[in-house]
Amino acid sequence: MKSLWILLIVTTSLFATAELHVEKIKKYASAQFLKTYPNMHIDTLTVKRYSALPKEFTKYKLLEVSISDNNLKREKGTLSGTYAYGDKKRKLYYHFNIDASVDVLRTNQYIQKGKTLTDNLIDFVTIKFTNFYQTPITAYYLNQYRARTSLVEGKILTTRHIEKVTSVKRGDKLSTTLRDGGVSVIFQSEALKDAHIGDIIKVKRNHKSFFHVKIISSTEAVVTK
């Protein structure tokens, strides 16, 4: 009878420890989903272990939790926890199931390729989180990004549908500074490709003179060495 009680106490302690780790893993997974989708509303998140527990599991400490970017796009998936006890390390695997909704941006009209996204072109809607192939964008991207391709009405906007609005477009004229020692020469050049501030691109002064420059504003550049 005494042995039975000892076994019962050990078993109870083992599974209590395992459940405590599951709660920590759930908190981590929730934080990762909310980091990936700032406009997500989580109703429930369940985590269930499917790896066998190692012996003396009550002595193991949870070191880290890992969930892949691919699994963060799913309502059902897997994640892992790495545990350590002395010089021993074990990785345990878990299934998760998340019931959540996400606030997203949806086009309310046809949008031509290259058009800057503004709030009059989109609606804010809430949809159920299922499986996302790309991350939905938030209002942060409005007025700073443009349509990478033509978009039909009713399209949920994701990162693959947009590109950053460039500060300089191909063919734009730039006031370009060439510095040599204490001497500076300023001349007009033409951008040979789209660019953002900070980019280094090739420009031409005339049909024979070409330079590599760093873009410092929408109208200015500096010749790089």
C-alpha atoms as a PDB file:
ATOM      1  CA  MET A   1       0.000   0.000   0.000  1.00  0.00           C
ATOM      2  CA  LYS A   2       2.861   2.373   0.851  1.00  0.00           C
ATOM      3  CA  SER A   3       4.459   1.735  -2.562  1.00  0.00           C
ATOM      4  CA  LEU A   4       1.134   2.477  -4.242  1.00  0.00           C
ATOM      5  CA  TRP A   5       0.886   5.827  -2.456  1.00  0.00           C
ATOM      6  CA  ILE A   6       4.455   6.740  -3.410  1.00  0.00           C
ATOM      7  CA  LEU A   7       3.726   5.874  -7.053  1.00  0.00           C
ATOM      8  CA  LEU A   8       0.541   7.934  -6.939  1.00  0.00           C
ATOM      9  CA  ILE A   9       2.367  10.951  -5.471  1.00  0.00           C
ATOM     10  CA  VAL A  10       5.178  10.714  -8.031  1.00  0.00           C
ATOM     11  CA  THR A  11       2.722  10.347 -10.925  1.00  0.00           C
ATOM     12  CA  THR A  12       0.622  13.255  -9.693  1.00  0.00           C
ATOM     13  CA  SER A  13       3.722  15.453  -9.320  1.00  0.00           C
ATOM     14  CA  LEU A  14       4.940  14.446 -12.783  1.00  0.00           C
ATOM     15  CA  PHE A  15       1.728  15.399 -14.536  1.00  0.00           C
ATOM     16  CA  ALA A  16       1.324  18.577 -12.470  1.00  0.00           C
ATOM     17  CA  THR A  17       4.784  19.651 -13.670  1.00  0.00           C
ATOM     18  CA  ALA A  18       3.887  18.728 -17.247  1.00  0.00           C
ATOM     19  CA  GLU A  19       0.695  20.795 -17.073  1.00  0.00           C
ATOM     20  CA  LEU A  20       2.608  23.745 -15.614  1.00  0.00           C
ATOM     21  CA  HIS A  21       4.932  23.664 -18.623  1.00  0.00           C
ATOM     22  CA  VAL A  22       1.939  23.455 -20.989  1.00  0.00           C
ATOM     23  CA  GLU A  23       0.597  26.697 -19.507  1.00  0.00           C
ATOM     24  CA  LYS A  24       3.964  28.393 -20.066  1.00  0.00           C
ATOM     25  CA  ILE A  25       4.028  27.113 -23.638  1.00  0.00           C
ATOM     26  CA  LYS A  26       0.493  28.411 -24.255  1.00  0.00           C
ATOM     27  CA  LYS A  27       1.516  31.883 -23.059  1.00  0.00           C
ATOM     28  CA  TYR A  28       4.537  31.842 -25.341  1.00  0.00           C
ATOM     29  CA  ALA A  29       2.507  30.673 -28.347  1.00  0.00           C
ATOM     30  CA  SER A  30      -0.132  33.358 -27.710  1.00  0.00           C
ATOM     31  CA  ALA A  31       2.583  36.018 -27.562  1.00  0.00           C
ATOM     32  CA  GLN A  32       4.080  34.810 -30.858  1.00  0.00           C
ATOM     33  CA  PHE A  33       0.730  34.892 -32.648  1.00  0.00           C
ATOM     34  CA  LEU A  34      -0.014  38.395 -31.353  1.00  0.00           C
ATOM     35  CA  LYS A  35       3.441  39.552 -32.410  1.00  0.00           C
ATOM     36  CA  THR A  36       2.853  38.181 -35.924  1.00  0.00           C
ATOM     37  CA  TYR A  37      -0.724  39.478 -36.111  1.00  0.00           C
ATOM     38  CA  PRO A  38      -1.027  42.654 -33.956  1.00  0.00           C
ATOM     39  CA  ASN A  39      -4.744  42.863 -34.787  1.00  0.00           C
ATOM     40  CA  MET A  40      -5.534  39.285 -33.741  1.00  0.00           C
ATOM     41  CA  HIS A  41      -8.196  38.481 -31.125  1.00  0.00           C
ATOM     42  CA  ILE A  42      -7.623  35.083 -29.514  1.00  0.00           C
ATOM     43  CA  ASP A  43     -10.670  33.302 -28.101  1.00  0.00           C
ATOM     44  CA  THR A  44      -8.984  30.024 -27.139  1.00  0.00           C
ATOM     45  CA  LEU A  45      -5.601  28.388 -27.612  1.00  0.00           C
ATOM     46  CA  THR A  46      -5.186  24.747 -26.663  1.00  0.00           C
ATOM     47  CA  VAL A  47      -1.853  22.921 -26.447  1.00  0.00           C
ATOM     48  CA  LYS A  48      -1.528  19.152 -26.079  1.00  0.00           C
ATOM     49  CA  ARG A  49       1.709  17.206 -25.667  1.00  0.00           C
ATOM     50  CA  TYR A  50       2.269  14.150 -27.843  1.00  0.00           C
ATOM     51  CA  SER A  51       5.872  13.336 -26.875  1.00  0.00           C
ATOM     52  CA  ALA A  52       6.493  10.892 -24.012  1.00  0.00           C
ATOM     53  CA  LEU A  53       7.770  12.446 -20.800  1.00  0.00           C
ATOM     54  CA  PRO A  54      11.377  11.593 -19.856  1.00  0.00           C
ATOM     55  CA  LYS A  55      12.188  10.042 -16.496  1.00  0.00           C
ATOM     56  CA  GLU A  56      12.642  12.523 -13.640  1.00  0.00           C
ATOM     57  CA  PHE A  57      10.762  15.104 -15.676  1.00  0.00           C
ATOM     58  CA  THR A  58       9.982  17.104 -12.525  1.00  0.00           C
ATOM     59  CA  LYS A  59      13.693  18.029 -12.415  1.00  0.00           C
ATOM     60  CA  TYR A  60      13.777  19.346 -15.986  1.00  0.00           C
ATOM     61  CA  LYS A  61      13.567  23.070 -16.689  1.00  0.00           C
ATOM     62  CA  LEU A  62      11.937  24.580 -19.758  1.00  0.00           C
ATOM     63  CA  LEU A  63      14.651  26.444 -21.681  1.00  0.00           C
ATOM     64  CA  GLU A  64      12.871  27.632 -24.805  1.00  0.00           C
ATOM     65  CA  VAL A  65       9.791  27.219 -26.948  1.00  0.00           C
ATOM     66  CA  SER A  66       9.967  27.098 -30.731  1.00  0.00           C
ATOM     67  CA  ILE A  67       7.209  27.591 -33.286  1.00  0.00           C
ATOM     68  CA  SER A  68       8.032  27.956 -36.977  1.00  0.00           C
ATOM     69  CA  ASP A  69       6.848  30.801 -39.205  1.00  0.00           C
ATOM     70  CA  ASN A  70       4.938  28.221 -41.228  1.00  0.00           C
ATOM     71  CA  ASN A  71       3.026  27.038 -38.155  1.00  0.00           C
ATOM     72  CA  LEU A  72       2.208  30.636 -37.237  1.00  0.00           C
ATOM     73  CA  LYS A  73       0.146  30.773 -40.431  1.00  0.00           C
ATOM     74  CA  ARG A  74      -2.125  27.900 -39.325  1.00  0.00           C
ATOM     75  CA  GLU A  75      -5.005  27.461 -36.942  1.00  0.00           C
ATOM     76  CA  LYS A  76      -3.695  23.953 -36.164  1.00  0.00           C
ATOM     77  CA  GLY A  77      -0.049  22.970 -36.008  1.00  0.00           C
ATOM     78  CA  THR A  78       2.889  21.914 -33.892  1.00  0.00           C
ATOM     79  CA  LEU A  79       5.497  23.521 -31.667  1.00  0.00           C
ATOM     80  CA  SER A  80       8.267  22.266 -29.424  1.00  0.00           C
ATOM     81  CA  GLY A  81       9.765  22.878 -26.001  1.00  0.00           C
ATOM     82  CA  THR A  82      13.417  22.306 -25.127  1.00  0.00           C
ATOM     83  CA  TYR A  83      14.067  21.080 -21.585  1.00  0.00           C
ATOM     84  CA  ALA A  84      17.269  20.554 -19.608  1.00  0.00           C
ATOM     85  CA  TYR A  85      18.300  18.662 -16.473  1.00  0.00           C
ATOM     86  CA  GLY A  86      22.010  18.864 -15.750  1.00  0.00           C
ATOM     87  CA  ASP A  87      23.768  17.980 -18.990  1.00  0.00           C
ATOM     88  CA  LYS A  88      20.680  16.248 -20.331  1.00  0.00           C
ATOM     89  CA  LYS A  89      18.484  17.954 -22.916  1.00  0.00           C
ATOM     90  CA  ARG A  90      15.163  16.805 -24.308  1.00  0.00           C
ATOM     91  CA  LYS A  91      12.831  18.292 -26.890  1.00  0.00           C
ATOM     92  CA  LEU A  92       9.130  17.602 -26.481  1.00  0.00           C
ATOM     93  CA  TYR A  93       6.542  18.205 -29.189  1.00  0.00           C
ATOM     94  CA  TYR A  94       3.029  19.584 -28.844  1.00  0.00           C
ATOM     95  CA  HIS A  95      -0.067  20.048 -30.988  1.00  0.00           C
ATOM     96  CA  PHE A  96      -1.843  23.412 -30.836  1.00  0.00           C
ATOM     97  CA  ASN A  97      -5.255  24.612 -31.956  1.00  0.00           C
ATOM     98  CA  ILE A  98      -6.085  28.312 -32.002  1.00  0.00           C
ATOM     99  CA  ASP A  99      -9.543  29.847 -32.313  1.00  0.00           C
ATOM    100  CA  ALA A 100      -9.094  33.496 -33.236  1.00  0.00           C
ATOM    101  CA  SER A 101     -10.134  36.352 -35.511  1.00  0.00           C
ATOM    102  CA  VAL A 102      -8.012  38.968 -37.250  1.00  0.00           C
ATOM    103  CA  ASP A 103      -8.716  42.564 -38.320  1.00  0.00           C
ATOM    104  CA  VAL A 104      -7.569  42.917 -41.939  1.00  0.00           C
ATOM    105  CA  LEU A 105      -7.670  45.346 -44.851  1.00  0.00           C
ATOM    106  CA  ARG A 106      -9.842  44.486 -47.865  1.00  0.00           C
ATOM    107  CA  THR A 107     -10.017  46.390 -51.139  1.00  0.00           C
ATOM    108  CA  ASN A 108     -13.365  48.082 -51.771  1.00  0.00           C
ATOM    109  CA  GLN A 109     -12.661  48.704 -55.461  1.00  0.00           C
ATOM    110  CA  TYR A 110     -10.327  47.758 -58.282  1.00  0.00           C
ATOM    111  CA  ILE A 111      -6.820  49.103 -57.640  1.00  0.00           C
ATOM    112  CA  GLN A 112      -4.308  49.578 -60.439  1.00  0.00           C
ATOM    113  CA  LYS A 113      -0.726  48.382 -60.150  1.00  0.00           C
ATOM    114  CA  GLY A 114       1.511  51.076 -58.637  1.00  0.00           C
ATOM    115  CA  LYS A 115      -1.306  53.018 -56.959  1.00  0.00           C
ATOM    116  CA  THR A 116      -0.551  54.143 -53.403  1.00  0.00           C
ATOM    117  CA  LEU A 117      -2.830  52.489 -50.844  1.00  0.00           C
ATOM    118  CA  THR A 118      -5.013  54.991 -48.979  1.00  0.00           C
ATOM    119  CA  ASP A 119      -7.897  54.503 -46.555  1.00  0.00           C
ATOM    120  CA  ASN A 120     -10.516  55.398 -49.174  1.00  0.00           C
ATOM    121  CA  LEU A 121      -9.484  52.355 -51.226  1.00  0.00           C
ATOM    122  CA  ILE A 122      -9.905  49.774 -48.469  1.00  0.00           C
ATOM    123  CA  ASP A 123     -12.316  48.605 -45.758  1.00  0.00           C
ATOM    124  CA  PHE A 124     -11.375  47.320 -42.320  1.00  0.00           C
ATOM    125  CA  VAL A 125     -12.994  43.915 -41.748  1.00  0.00           C
ATOM    126  CA  THR A 126     -12.667  41.091 -39.215  1.00  0.00           C
ATOM    127  CA  ILE A 127     -12.258  37.511 -40.473  1.00  0.00           C
ATOM    128  CA  LYS A 128     -11.748  34.141 -38.811  1.00  0.00           C
ATOM    129  CA  PHE A 129      -8.134  33.023 -38.591  1.00  0.00           C
ATOM    130  CA  THR A 130      -7.697  29.828 -40.602  1.00  0.00           C
ATOM    131  CA  ASN A 131      -4.651  29.292 -42.795  1.00  0.00           C
ATOM    132  CA  PHE A 132      -2.791  32.339 -44.091  1.00  0.00           C
ATOM    133  CA  TYR A 133      -0.284  31.901 -46.901  1.00  0.00           C
ATOM    134  CA  GLN A 134       0.987  35.460 -46.381  1.00  0.00           C
ATOM    135  CA  THR A 135       0.732  37.877 -43.468  1.00  0.00           C
ATOM    136  CA  PRO A 136      -2.202  40.333 -43.686  1.00  0.00           C
ATOM    137  CA  ILE A 137      -1.135  43.966 -43.547  1.00  0.00           C
ATOM    138  CA  THR A 138      -2.271  46.577 -41.033  1.00  0.00           C
ATOM    139  CA  ALA A 139      -3.167  50.260 -41.315  1.00  0.00           C
ATOM    140  CA  TYR A 140       0.525  51.065 -40.793  1.00  0.00           C
ATOM    141  CA  TYR A 141       1.138  50.336 -44.485  1.00  0.00           C
ATOM    142  CA  LEU A 142      -1.371  52.888 -45.773  1.00  0.00           C
ATOM    143  CA  ASN A 143       0.113  55.885 -47.613  1.00  0.00           C
ATOM    144  CA  GLN A 144       3.576  54.272 -47.467  1.00  0.00           C
ATOM    145  CA  TYR A 145       3.034  51.301 -49.777  1.00  0.00           C
ATOM    146  CA  ARG A 146       1.571  50.777 -53.233  1.00  0.00           C
ATOM    147  CA  ALA A 147      -0.041  47.887 -55.086  1.00  0.00           C
ATOM    148  CA  ARG A 148       2.586  45.523 -56.490  1.00  0.00           C
ATOM    149  CA  THR A 149       0.030  44.161 -58.976  1.00  0.00           C
ATOM    150  CA  SER A 150      -3.477  45.142 -60.024  1.00  0.00           C
ATOM    151  CA  LEU A 151      -5.947  44.156 -57.281  1.00  0.00           C
ATOM    152  CA  VAL A 152      -9.585  43.187 -57.689  1.00  0.00           C
ATOM    153  CA  GLU A 153     -12.332  44.442 -55.391  1.00  0.00           C
ATOM    154  CA  GLY A 154     -12.742  42.344 -52.245  1.00  0.00           C
ATOM    155  CA  LYS A 155      -9.086  41.237 -51.993  1.00  0.00           C
ATOM    156  CA  ILE A 156      -7.658  40.703 -48.501  1.00  0.00           C
ATOM    157  CA  LEU A 157      -4.359  42.578 -48.573  1.00  0.00           C
ATOM    158  CA  THR A 158      -1.198  40.743 -47.541  1.00  0.00           C
ATOM    159  CA  THR A 159       2.504  41.504 -47.695  1.00  0.00           C
ATOM    160  CA  ARG A 160       2.802  39.902 -51.144  1.00  0.00           C
ATOM    161  CA  HIS A 161       0.338  42.400 -52.654  1.00  0.00           C
ATOM    162  CA  ILE A 162       2.318  45.529 -51.771  1.00  0.00           C
ATOM    163  CA  GLU A 163       5.669  47.247 -52.149  1.00  0.00           C
ATOM    164  CA  LYS A 164       7.087  50.351 -50.515  1.00  0.00           C
ATOM    165  CA  VAL A 165       6.478  53.634 -52.280  1.00  0.00           C
ATOM    166  CA  THR A 166       9.808  54.734 -53.703  1.00  0.00           C
ATOM    167  CA  SER A 167      11.351  58.129 -52.953  1.00  0.00           C
ATOM    168  CA  VAL A 168      12.926  58.275 -56.412  1.00  0.00           C
ATOM    169  CA  LYS A 169      11.585  56.872 -59.662  1.00  0.00           C
ATOM    170  CA  ARG A 170      13.514  55.892 -62.741  1.00  0.00           C
ATOM    171  CA  GLY A 171      14.014  58.991 -64.909  1.00  0.00           C
ATOM    172  CA  ASP A 172      13.768  61.448 -61.995  1.00  0.00           C
ATOM    173  CA  LYS A 173      16.259  64.327 -62.024  1.00  0.00           C
ATOM    174  CA  LEU A 174      18.589  64.515 -59.029  1.00  0.00           C
ATOM    175  CA  SER A 175      20.796  67.305 -57.726  1.00  0.00           C
ATOM    176  CA  THR A 176      23.988  65.270 -57.362  1.00  0.00           C
ATOM    177  CA  THR A 177      27.031  66.237 -55.315  1.00  0.00           C
ATOM    178  CA  LEU A 178      30.533  64.997 -56.148  1.00  0.00           C
ATOM    179  CA  ARG A 179      33.076  65.670 -53.391  1.00  0.00           C
ATOM    180  CA  ASP A 180      36.822  65.475 -54.022  1.00  0.00           C
ATOM    181  CA  GLY A 181      38.905  66.603 -51.060  1.00  0.00           C
ATOM    182  CA  GLY A 182      37.646  70.046 -50.089  1.00  0.00           C
ATOM    183  CA  VAL A 183      35.995  70.653 -53.451  1.00  0.00           C
ATOM    184  CA  SER A 184      32.325  69.912 -54.190  1.00  0.00           C
ATOM    185  CA  VAL A 185      30.729  69.881 -57.614  1.00  0.00           C
ATOM    186  CA  ILE A 186      26.961  69.802 -58.029  1.00  0.00           C
ATOM    187  CA  PHE A 187      25.353  68.635 -61.259  1.00  0.00           C
ATOM    188  CA  GLN A 188      22.066  67.236 -62.522  1.00  0.00           C
ATOM    189  CA  SER A 189      21.798  63.474 -63.046  1.00  0.00           C
ATOM    190  CA  GLU A 190      19.068  61.048 -64.011  1.00  0.00           C
ATOM    191  CA  ALA A 191      18.089  58.046 -61.883  1.00  0.00           C
ATOM    192  CA  LEU A 192      18.345  54.759 -63.779  1.00  0.00           C
ATOM    193  CA  LYS A 193      16.058  52.832 -61.404  1.00  0.00           C
ATOM    194  CA  ASP A 194      13.507  53.308 -58.607  1.00  0.00           C
ATOM    195  CA  ALA A 195      15.080  53.798 -55.176  1.00  0.00           C
ATOM    196  CA  HIS A 196      14.437  54.556 -51.519  1.00  0.00           C
ATOM    197  CA  ILE A 197      16.328  57.028 -49.362  1.00  0.00           C
ATOM    198  CA  GLY A 198      19.621  55.398 -48.376  1.00  0.00           C
ATOM    199  CA  ASP A 199      19.806  53.185 -51.479  1.00  0.00           C
ATOM    200  CA  ILE A 200      22.853  53.243 -53.734  1.00  0.00           C
ATOM    201  CA  ILE A 201      21.952  53.294 -57.421  1.00  0.00           C
ATOM    202  CA  LYS A 202      23.469  54.121 -60.775  1.00  0.00           C
ATOM    203  CA  VAL A 203      22.721  57.492 -62.382  1.00  0.00           C
ATOM    204  CA  LYS A 204      23.819  59.179 -65.589  1.00  0.00           C
ATOM    205  CA  ARG A 205      24.989  62.735 -66.085  1.00  0.00           C
ATOM    206  CA  ASN A 206      24.937  62.464 -69.841  1.00  0.00           C
ATOM    207  CA  HIS A 207      25.214  59.653 -72.362  1.00  0.00           C
ATOM    208  CA  LYS A 208      28.899  59.147 -71.442  1.00  0.00           C
ATOM    209  CA  SER A 209      29.091  59.866 -67.695  1.00  0.00           C
ATOM    210  CA  PHE A 210      27.700  57.391 -65.153  1.00  0.00           C
ATOM    211  CA  PHE A 211      28.039  57.421 -61.359  1.00  0.00           C
ATOM    212  CA  HIS A 212      27.001  55.359 -58.360  1.00  0.00           C
ATOM    213  CA  VAL A 213      25.228  57.577 -55.846  1.00  0.00           C
ATOM    214  CA  LYS A 214      23.555  57.358 -52.463  1.00  0.00           C
ATOM    215  CA  ILE A 215      20.012  58.755 -52.357  1.00  0.00           C
ATOM    216  CA  ILE A 216      19.642  61.290 -49.527  1.00  0.00           C
ATOM    217  CA  SER A 217      16.229  62.742 -50.431  1.00  0.00           C
ATOM    218  CA  SER A 218      13.662  62.579 -53.235  1.00  0.00           C
ATOM    219  CA  THR A 219      15.682  65.196 -55.181  1.00  0.00           C
ATOM    220  CA  GLU A 220      19.273  64.838 -53.929  1.00  0.00           C
ATOM    221  CA  ALA A 221      22.112  62.323 -54.152  1.00  0.00           C
ATOM    222  CA  VAL A 222      25.800  62.056 -53.278  1.00  0.00           C
ATOM    223  CA  VAL A 223      28.382  60.288 -55.422  1.00  0.00           C
ATOM    224  CA  THR A 224      29.878  57.295 -53.594  1.00  0.00           C
ATOM    225  CA  LYS A 225      33.487  56.220 -53.879  1.00  0.00           C
END
